[in-house]
Amino acid sequence: MKIYVITVFSLLVIGLASCTQRVASPSTNRVVIKNRPTVYKVVKVKGKRYYFWNGNHYRKTKNGYVLVRFYNN
Protein backbone atom coordinates (compact mmCIF):
# COMPACT_ATOMS: atom_id res chain seq x y z
CA MET A 1 0.00 0.00 0.00
CA LYS A 2 2.83 2.37 0.87
CA ILE A 3 4.64 1.78 -2.45
CA TYR A 4 1.36 2.26 -4.34
CA VAL A 5 0.75 5.67 -2.70
CA ILE A 6 4.32 6.81 -3.37
CA THR A 7 4.13 5.68 -7.00
CA VAL A 8 0.82 7.44 -7.64
CA PHE A 9 2.04 10.60 -5.91
CA SER A 10 5.28 10.58 -7.95
CA LEU A 11 3.43 10.18 -11.24
CA LEU A 12 1.05 12.98 -10.31
CA VAL A 13 3.88 15.37 -9.43
CA ILE A 14 5.86 14.54 -12.57
CA GLY A 15 2.77 14.87 -14.75
CA LEU A 16 1.85 18.28 -13.37
CA ALA A 17 5.39 19.63 -13.30
CA SER A 18 5.98 19.03 -17.01
CA CYS A 19 3.10 21.28 -18.14
CA THR A 20 3.37 24.21 -15.76
CA GLN A 21 5.05 26.79 -17.97
CA ARG A 22 4.16 28.08 -21.40
CA VAL A 23 6.67 30.18 -23.28
CA ALA A 24 5.48 32.42 -26.08
CA SER A 25 8.00 33.07 -28.80
CA PRO A 26 8.12 36.63 -30.06
CA SER A 27 6.98 37.24 -33.60
CA THR A 28 10.08 38.03 -35.63
CA ASN A 29 8.35 38.87 -38.91
CA ARG A 30 6.40 41.91 -37.64
CA VAL A 31 6.76 45.05 -39.74
CA VAL A 32 6.35 48.42 -38.06
CA ILE A 33 5.34 51.32 -40.28
CA LYS A 34 6.44 54.64 -38.82
CA ASN A 35 4.00 56.96 -40.63
CA ARG A 36 0.54 56.26 -41.99
CA PRO A 37 -0.41 57.60 -45.43
CA THR A 38 -2.51 60.71 -45.84
CA VAL A 39 -5.52 58.72 -47.11
CA TYR A 40 -6.79 56.18 -44.53
CA LYS A 41 -9.97 55.20 -42.69
CA VAL A 42 -10.51 54.79 -38.97
CA VAL A 43 -12.42 51.57 -38.24
CA LYS A 44 -13.69 50.44 -34.83
CA VAL A 45 -13.89 46.70 -34.21
CA LYS A 46 -15.24 45.62 -30.81
CA GLY A 47 -14.48 49.05 -29.39
CA LYS A 48 -10.85 49.08 -30.55
CA ARG A 49 -9.53 51.56 -33.08
CA TYR A 50 -7.85 50.31 -36.26
CA TYR A 51 -6.54 52.15 -39.28
CA PHE A 52 -7.39 50.87 -42.78
CA TRP A 53 -5.38 51.63 -45.88
CA ASN A 54 -4.02 49.73 -48.87
CA GLY A 55 -6.44 46.83 -48.20
CA ASN A 56 -5.04 46.10 -44.71
CA HIS A 57 -5.89 46.93 -41.09
CA TYR A 58 -3.23 48.43 -38.82
CA ARG A 59 -3.04 49.04 -35.07
CA LYS A 60 -1.23 52.01 -33.59
CA THR A 61 1.63 51.24 -31.20
CA LYS A 62 4.23 53.43 -29.54
CA ASN A 63 6.73 52.55 -32.30
CA GLY A 64 4.39 53.03 -35.27
CA TYR A 65 1.66 51.02 -36.98
CA VAL A 66 1.54 47.21 -37.04
CA LEU A 67 -0.37 45.05 -39.53
CA VAL A 68 -3.30 43.17 -37.92
CA ARG A 69 -4.81 39.96 -39.27
CA PHE A 70 -8.45 39.24 -38.48
CA TYR A 71 -9.46 35.58 -38.38
CA ASN A 72 -13.02 34.30 -38.51
CA ASN A 73 -13.85 31.83 -35.75
PDB file of N, CA and C in Angstrom:
ATOM      1  N   MET A   1       0.819  -1.188   0.000  1.00  0.00           N
ATOM      2  CA  MET A   1       0.000   0.000   0.000  1.00  0.00           C
ATOM      3  C   MET A   1       0.867   1.256   0.000  1.00  0.00           C
ATOM      4  N   LYS A   2       1.950   1.229   0.771  1.00  0.00           N
ATOM      5  CA  LYS A   2       2.832   2.374   0.870  1.00  0.00           C
ATOM      6  C   LYS A   2       3.520   2.660  -0.473  1.00  0.00           C
ATOM      7  N   ILE A   3       3.973   1.624  -1.152  1.00  0.00           N
ATOM      8  CA  ILE A   3       4.635   1.782  -2.449  1.00  0.00           C
ATOM      9  C   ILE A   3       3.637   2.298  -3.487  1.00  0.00           C
ATOM     10  N   TYR A   4       2.411   1.822  -3.423  1.00  0.00           N
ATOM     11  CA  TYR A   4       1.363   2.263  -4.344  1.00  0.00           C
ATOM     12  C   TYR A   4       1.099   3.767  -4.185  1.00  0.00           C
ATOM     13  N   VAL A   5       1.001   4.250  -2.966  1.00  0.00           N
ATOM     14  CA  VAL A   5       0.746   5.670  -2.704  1.00  0.00           C
ATOM     15  C   VAL A   5       1.924   6.511  -3.185  1.00  0.00           C
ATOM     16  N   ILE A   6       3.134   6.063  -2.930  1.00  0.00           N
ATOM     17  CA  ILE A   6       4.324   6.807  -3.366  1.00  0.00           C
ATOM     18  C   ILE A   6       4.398   6.837  -4.879  1.00  0.00           C
ATOM     19  N   THR A   7       4.091   5.740  -5.546  1.00  0.00           N
ATOM     20  CA  THR A   7       4.130   5.678  -7.003  1.00  0.00           C
ATOM     21  C   THR A   7       3.090   6.607  -7.618  1.00  0.00           C
ATOM     22  N   VAL A   8       1.876   6.570  -7.121  1.00  0.00           N
ATOM     23  CA  VAL A   8       0.819   7.437  -7.643  1.00  0.00           C
ATOM     24  C   VAL A   8       1.166   8.899  -7.406  1.00  0.00           C
ATOM     25  N   PHE A   9       1.655   9.227  -6.225  1.00  0.00           N
ATOM     26  CA  PHE A   9       2.041  10.602  -5.913  1.00  0.00           C
ATOM     27  C   PHE A   9       3.174  11.066  -6.831  1.00  0.00           C
ATOM     28  N   SER A  10       4.154  10.225  -7.079  1.00  0.00           N
ATOM     29  CA  SER A  10       5.282  10.577  -7.947  1.00  0.00           C
ATOM     30  C   SER A  10       4.815  10.835  -9.375  1.00  0.00           C
ATOM     31  N   LEU A  11       3.945   9.993  -9.885  1.00  0.00           N
ATOM     32  CA  LEU A  11       3.426  10.177 -11.244  1.00  0.00           C
ATOM     33  C   LEU A  11       2.602  11.457 -11.353  1.00  0.00           C
ATOM     34  N   LEU A  12       1.850  11.760 -10.323  1.00  0.00           N
ATOM     35  CA  LEU A  12       1.052  12.976 -10.314  1.00  0.00           C
ATOM     36  C   LEU A  12       1.938  14.220 -10.320  1.00  0.00           C
ATOM     37  N   VAL A  13       2.971  14.228  -9.506  1.00  0.00           N
ATOM     38  CA  VAL A  13       3.884  15.371  -9.428  1.00  0.00           C
ATOM     39  C   VAL A  13       4.643  15.538 -10.744  1.00  0.00           C
ATOM     40  N   ILE A  14       5.122  14.463 -11.306  1.00  0.00           N
ATOM     41  CA  ILE A  14       5.859  14.535 -12.575  1.00  0.00           C
ATOM     42  C   ILE A  14       4.938  14.996 -13.697  1.00  0.00           C
ATOM     43  N   GLY A  15       3.724  14.493 -13.716  1.00  0.00           N
ATOM     44  CA  GLY A  15       2.770  14.870 -14.751  1.00  0.00           C
ATOM     45  C   GLY A  15       2.387  16.335 -14.692  1.00  0.00           C
ATOM     46  N   LEU A  16       2.214  16.874 -13.511  1.00  0.00           N
ATOM     47  CA  LEU A  16       1.852  18.282 -13.373  1.00  0.00           C
ATOM     48  C   LEU A  16       3.031  19.210 -13.580  1.00  0.00           C
ATOM     49  N   ALA A  17       4.205  18.781 -13.196  1.00  0.00           N
ATOM     50  CA  ALA A  17       5.388  19.633 -13.300  1.00  0.00           C
ATOM     51  C   ALA A  17       5.809  19.847 -14.750  1.00  0.00           C
ATOM     52  N   SER A  18       5.519  18.912 -15.632  1.00  0.00           N
ATOM     53  CA  SER A  18       5.983  19.031 -17.009  1.00  0.00           C
ATOM     54  C   SER A  18       5.161  20.026 -17.819  1.00  0.00           C
ATOM     55  N   CYS A  19       3.977  20.396 -17.367  1.00  0.00           N
ATOM     56  CA  CYS A  19       3.100  21.277 -18.138  1.00  0.00           C
ATOM     57  C   CYS A  19       2.834  22.601 -17.438  1.00  0.00           C
ATOM     58  N   THR A  20       3.681  23.034 -16.559  1.00  0.00           N
ATOM     59  CA  THR A  20       3.371  24.210 -15.761  1.00  0.00           C
ATOM     60  C   THR A  20       3.738  25.519 -16.421  1.00  0.00           C
ATOM     61  N   GLN A  21       4.594  25.525 -17.421  1.00  0.00           N
ATOM     62  CA  GLN A  21       5.049  26.790 -17.969  1.00  0.00           C
ATOM     63  C   GLN A  21       4.877  26.795 -19.479  1.00  0.00           C
ATOM     64  N   ARG A  22       4.300  27.892 -19.965  1.00  0.00           N
ATOM     65  CA  ARG A  22       4.165  28.084 -21.403  1.00  0.00           C
ATOM     66  C   ARG A  22       5.019  29.272 -21.799  1.00  0.00           C
ATOM     67  N   VAL A  23       5.797  29.113 -22.818  1.00  0.00           N
ATOM     68  CA  VAL A  23       6.675  30.179 -23.278  1.00  0.00           C
ATOM     69  C   VAL A  23       6.203  30.613 -24.653  1.00  0.00           C
ATOM     70  N   ALA A  24       5.910  31.882 -24.793  1.00  0.00           N
ATOM     71  CA  ALA A  24       5.478  32.418 -26.080  1.00  0.00           C
ATOM     72  C   ALA A  24       6.690  32.981 -26.805  1.00  0.00           C
ATOM     73  N   SER A  25       6.876  32.561 -28.020  1.00  0.00           N
ATOM     74  CA  SER A  25       8.001  33.073 -28.797  1.00  0.00           C
ATOM     75  C   SER A  25       7.593  34.383 -29.454  1.00  0.00           C
ATOM     76  N   PRO A  26       8.466  35.350 -29.446  1.00  0.00           N
ATOM     77  CA  PRO A  26       8.116  36.635 -30.063  1.00  0.00           C
ATOM     78  C   PRO A  26       8.039  36.501 -31.578  1.00  0.00           C
ATOM     79  N   SER A  27       7.136  37.257 -32.153  1.00  0.00           N
ATOM     80  CA  SER A  27       6.985  37.237 -33.600  1.00  0.00           C
ATOM     81  C   SER A  27       8.135  38.016 -34.223  1.00  0.00           C
ATOM     82  N   THR A  28       8.911  37.368 -35.051  1.00  0.00           N
ATOM     83  CA  THR A  28      10.083  38.025 -35.628  1.00  0.00           C
ATOM     84  C   THR A  28       9.777  38.663 -36.972  1.00  0.00           C
ATOM     85  N   ASN A  29       8.649  38.326 -37.586  1.00  0.00           N
ATOM     86  CA  ASN A  29       8.350  38.872 -38.907  1.00  0.00           C
ATOM     87  C   ASN A  29       7.291  39.975 -38.826  1.00  0.00           C
ATOM     88  N   ARG A  30       7.332  40.798 -37.808  1.00  0.00           N
ATOM     89  CA  ARG A  30       6.403  41.911 -37.643  1.00  0.00           C
ATOM     90  C   ARG A  30       7.031  43.164 -38.238  1.00  0.00           C
ATOM     91  N   VAL A  31       6.271  43.840 -39.098  1.00  0.00           N
ATOM     92  CA  VAL A  31       6.761  45.048 -39.740  1.00  0.00           C
ATOM     93  C   VAL A  31       6.079  46.250 -39.096  1.00  0.00           C
ATOM     94  N   VAL A  32       6.870  47.197 -38.671  1.00  0.00           N
ATOM     95  CA  VAL A  32       6.351  48.421 -38.059  1.00  0.00           C
ATOM     96  C   VAL A  32       6.487  49.543 -39.076  1.00  0.00           C
ATOM     97  N   ILE A  33       5.358  50.197 -39.355  1.00  0.00           N
ATOM     98  CA  ILE A  33       5.339  51.324 -40.281  1.00  0.00           C
ATOM     99  C   ILE A  33       5.315  52.599 -39.451  1.00  0.00           C
ATOM    100  N   LYS A  34       6.292  53.448 -39.658  1.00  0.00           N
ATOM    101  CA  LYS A  34       6.443  54.639 -38.817  1.00  0.00           C
ATOM    102  C   LYS A  34       5.341  55.668 -39.059  1.00  0.00           C
ATOM    103  N   ASN A  35       4.997  55.932 -40.305  1.00  0.00           N
ATOM    104  CA  ASN A  35       4.001  56.963 -40.631  1.00  0.00           C
ATOM    105  C   ASN A  35       2.898  56.372 -41.489  1.00  0.00           C
ATOM    106  N   ARG A  36       1.660  56.725 -41.168  1.00  0.00           N
ATOM    107  CA  ARG A  36       0.545  56.260 -41.992  1.00  0.00           C
ATOM    108  C   ARG A  36       0.406  57.197 -43.186  1.00  0.00           C
ATOM    109  N   PRO A  37      -0.219  56.732 -44.261  1.00  0.00           N
ATOM    110  CA  PRO A  37      -0.406  57.599 -45.431  1.00  0.00           C
ATOM    111  C   PRO A  37      -1.451  58.679 -45.153  1.00  0.00           C
ATOM    112  N   THR A  38      -1.556  59.621 -46.040  1.00  0.00           N
ATOM    113  CA  THR A  38      -2.507  60.715 -45.836  1.00  0.00           C
ATOM    114  C   THR A  38      -3.952  60.274 -46.053  1.00  0.00           C
ATOM    115  N   VAL A  39      -4.172  59.226 -46.859  1.00  0.00           N
ATOM    116  CA  VAL A  39      -5.521  58.721 -47.105  1.00  0.00           C
ATOM    117  C   VAL A  39      -5.679  57.398 -46.359  1.00  0.00           C
ATOM    118  N   TYR A  40      -6.536  57.377 -45.337  1.00  0.00           N
ATOM    119  CA  TYR A  40      -6.792  56.183 -44.535  1.00  0.00           C
ATOM    120  C   TYR A  40      -8.177  56.306 -43.918  1.00  0.00           C
ATOM    121  N   LYS A  41      -8.685  55.202 -43.391  1.00  0.00           N
ATOM    122  CA  LYS A  41      -9.972  55.203 -42.693  1.00  0.00           C
ATOM    123  C   LYS A  41      -9.767  54.693 -41.279  1.00  0.00           C
ATOM    124  N   VAL A  42     -10.512  55.272 -40.344  1.00  0.00           N
ATOM    125  CA  VAL A  42     -10.508  54.785 -38.966  1.00  0.00           C
ATOM    126  C   VAL A  42     -11.684  53.835 -38.823  1.00  0.00           C
ATOM    127  N   VAL A  43     -11.401  52.598 -38.375  1.00  0.00           N
ATOM    128  CA  VAL A  43     -12.418  51.569 -38.235  1.00  0.00           C
ATOM    129  C   VAL A  43     -12.415  51.100 -36.787  1.00  0.00           C
ATOM    130  N   LYS A  44     -13.598  50.971 -36.192  1.00  0.00           N
ATOM    131  CA  LYS A  44     -13.689  50.442 -34.831  1.00  0.00           C
ATOM    132  C   LYS A  44     -14.239  49.028 -34.888  1.00  0.00           C
ATOM    133  N   VAL A  45     -13.491  48.097 -34.295  1.00  0.00           N
ATOM    134  CA  VAL A  45     -13.892  46.698 -34.208  1.00  0.00           C
ATOM    135  C   VAL A  45     -13.898  46.321 -32.741  1.00  0.00           C
ATOM    136  N   LYS A  46     -15.071  45.975 -32.220  1.00  0.00           N
ATOM    137  CA  LYS A  46     -15.244  45.616 -30.806  1.00  0.00           C
ATOM    138  C   LYS A  46     -14.679  46.691 -29.872  1.00  0.00           C
ATOM    139  N   GLY A  47     -14.907  47.938 -30.229  1.00  0.00           N
ATOM    140  CA  GLY A  47     -14.483  49.051 -29.389  1.00  0.00           C
ATOM    141  C   GLY A  47     -13.019  49.447 -29.535  1.00  0.00           C
ATOM    142  N   LYS A  48     -12.268  48.741 -30.350  1.00  0.00           N
ATOM    143  CA  LYS A  48     -10.850  49.080 -30.549  1.00  0.00           C
ATOM    144  C   LYS A  48     -10.684  49.804 -31.881  1.00  0.00           C
ATOM    145  N   ARG A  49      -9.748  50.719 -31.905  1.00  0.00           N
ATOM    146  CA  ARG A  49      -9.526  51.559 -33.076  1.00  0.00           C
ATOM    147  C   ARG A  49      -8.445  50.959 -33.976  1.00  0.00           C
ATOM    148  N   TYR A  50      -8.792  50.802 -35.261  1.00  0.00           N
ATOM    149  CA  TYR A  50      -7.846  50.308 -36.258  1.00  0.00           C
ATOM    150  C   TYR A  50      -7.813  51.285 -37.424  1.00  0.00           C
ATOM    151  N   TYR A  51      -6.712  51.284 -38.133  1.00  0.00           N
ATOM    152  CA  TYR A  51      -6.537  52.155 -39.282  1.00  0.00           C
ATOM    153  C   TYR A  51      -6.500  51.274 -40.526  1.00  0.00           C
ATOM    154  N   PHE A  52      -7.267  51.673 -41.559  1.00  0.00           N
ATOM    155  CA  PHE A  52      -7.393  50.872 -42.778  1.00  0.00           C
ATOM    156  C   PHE A  52      -6.855  51.656 -43.958  1.00  0.00           C
ATOM    157  N   TRP A  53      -5.871  51.090 -44.631  1.00  0.00           N
ATOM    158  CA  TRP A  53      -5.376  51.634 -45.884  1.00  0.00           C
ATOM    159  C   TRP A  53      -4.706  50.515 -46.660  1.00  0.00           C
ATOM    160  N   ASN A  54      -4.692  50.670 -47.971  1.00  0.00           N
ATOM    161  CA  ASN A  54      -4.019  49.727 -48.866  1.00  0.00           C
ATOM    162  C   ASN A  54      -4.552  48.296 -48.720  1.00  0.00           C
ATOM    163  N   GLY A  55      -5.832  48.158 -48.324  1.00  0.00           N
ATOM    164  CA  GLY A  55      -6.439  46.833 -48.199  1.00  0.00           C
ATOM    165  C   GLY A  55      -6.099  46.092 -46.918  1.00  0.00           C
ATOM    166  N   ASN A  56      -5.448  46.748 -45.957  1.00  0.00           N
ATOM    167  CA  ASN A  56      -5.039  46.100 -44.705  1.00  0.00           C
ATOM    168  C   ASN A  56      -5.465  46.933 -43.503  1.00  0.00           C
ATOM    169  N   HIS A  57      -5.603  46.253 -42.362  1.00  0.00           N
ATOM    170  CA  HIS A  57      -5.892  46.929 -41.095  1.00  0.00           C
ATOM    171  C   HIS A  57      -4.604  47.036 -40.284  1.00  0.00           C
ATOM    172  N   TYR A  58      -4.420  48.182 -39.628  1.00  0.00           N
ATOM    173  CA  TYR A  58      -3.235  48.429 -38.822  1.00  0.00           C
ATOM    174  C   TYR A  58      -3.655  48.895 -37.434  1.00  0.00           C
ATOM    175  N   ARG A  59      -2.821  48.621 -36.452  1.00  0.00           N
ATOM    176  CA  ARG A  59      -3.044  49.036 -35.075  1.00  0.00           C
ATOM    177  C   ARG A  59      -1.912  49.982 -34.687  1.00  0.00           C
ATOM    178  N   LYS A  60      -2.247  51.036 -33.987  1.00  0.00           N
ATOM    179  CA  LYS A  60      -1.230  52.011 -33.587  1.00  0.00           C
ATOM    180  C   LYS A  60      -0.515  51.521 -32.338  1.00  0.00           C
ATOM    181  N   THR A  61       0.801  51.563 -32.350  1.00  0.00           N
ATOM    182  CA  THR A  61       1.630  51.237 -31.196  1.00  0.00           C
ATOM    183  C   THR A  61       2.541  52.421 -30.915  1.00  0.00           C
ATOM    184  N   LYS A  62       3.331  52.315 -29.865  1.00  0.00           N
ATOM    185  CA  LYS A  62       4.228  53.434 -29.542  1.00  0.00           C
ATOM    186  C   LYS A  62       5.358  53.571 -30.554  1.00  0.00           C
ATOM    187  N   ASN A  63       5.649  52.508 -31.315  1.00  0.00           N
ATOM    188  CA  ASN A  63       6.731  52.554 -32.300  1.00  0.00           C
ATOM    189  C   ASN A  63       6.245  52.868 -33.710  1.00  0.00           C
ATOM    190  N   GLY A  64       4.942  52.790 -33.935  1.00  0.00           N
ATOM    191  CA  GLY A  64       4.394  53.034 -35.268  1.00  0.00           C
ATOM    192  C   GLY A  64       3.103  52.249 -35.453  1.00  0.00           C
ATOM    193  N   TYR A  65       2.867  51.765 -36.658  1.00  0.00           N
ATOM    194  CA  TYR A  65       1.658  51.018 -36.982  1.00  0.00           C
ATOM    195  C   TYR A  65       2.023  49.587 -37.360  1.00  0.00           C
ATOM    196  N   VAL A  66       1.254  48.626 -36.829  1.00  0.00           N
ATOM    197  CA  VAL A  66       1.537  47.206 -37.036  1.00  0.00           C
ATOM    198  C   VAL A  66       0.362  46.580 -37.771  1.00  0.00           C
ATOM    199  N   LEU A  67       0.654  45.751 -38.750  1.00  0.00           N
ATOM    200  CA  LEU A  67      -0.367  45.046 -39.525  1.00  0.00           C
ATOM    201  C   LEU A  67      -1.112  44.066 -38.630  1.00  0.00           C
ATOM    202  N   VAL A  68      -2.458  44.054 -38.729  1.00  0.00           N
ATOM    203  CA  VAL A  68      -3.302  43.175 -37.924  1.00  0.00           C
ATOM    204  C   VAL A  68      -4.046  42.233 -38.855  1.00  0.00           C
ATOM    205  N   ARG A  69      -4.056  40.960 -38.504  1.00  0.00           N
ATOM    206  CA  ARG A  69      -4.813  39.958 -39.265  1.00  0.00           C
ATOM    207  C   ARG A  69      -6.051  39.601 -38.485  1.00  0.00           C
ATOM    208  N   PHE A  70      -7.215  39.657 -39.118  1.00  0.00           N
ATOM    209  CA  PHE A  70      -8.451  39.239 -38.481  1.00  0.00           C
ATOM    210  C   PHE A  70      -8.804  37.847 -38.965  1.00  0.00           C
ATOM    211  N   TYR A  71      -9.084  36.952 -38.043  1.00  0.00           N
ATOM    212  CA  TYR A  71      -9.456  35.581 -38.383  1.00  0.00           C
ATOM    213  C   TYR A  71     -10.895  35.335 -37.976  1.00  0.00           C
ATOM    214  N   ASN A  72     -11.636  34.655 -38.830  1.00  0.00           N
ATOM    215  CA  ASN A  72     -13.019  34.299 -38.510  1.00  0.00           C
ATOM    216  C   ASN A  72     -13.043  33.020 -37.708  1.00  0.00           C
ATOM    217  N   ASN A  73     -13.742  33.032 -36.592  1.00  0.00           N
ATOM    218  CA  ASN A  73     -13.854  31.831 -35.754  1.00  0.00           C
ATOM    219  C   ASN A  73     -15.074  31.060 -36.122  1.00  0.00           C
TER     220      ASN A  73
END
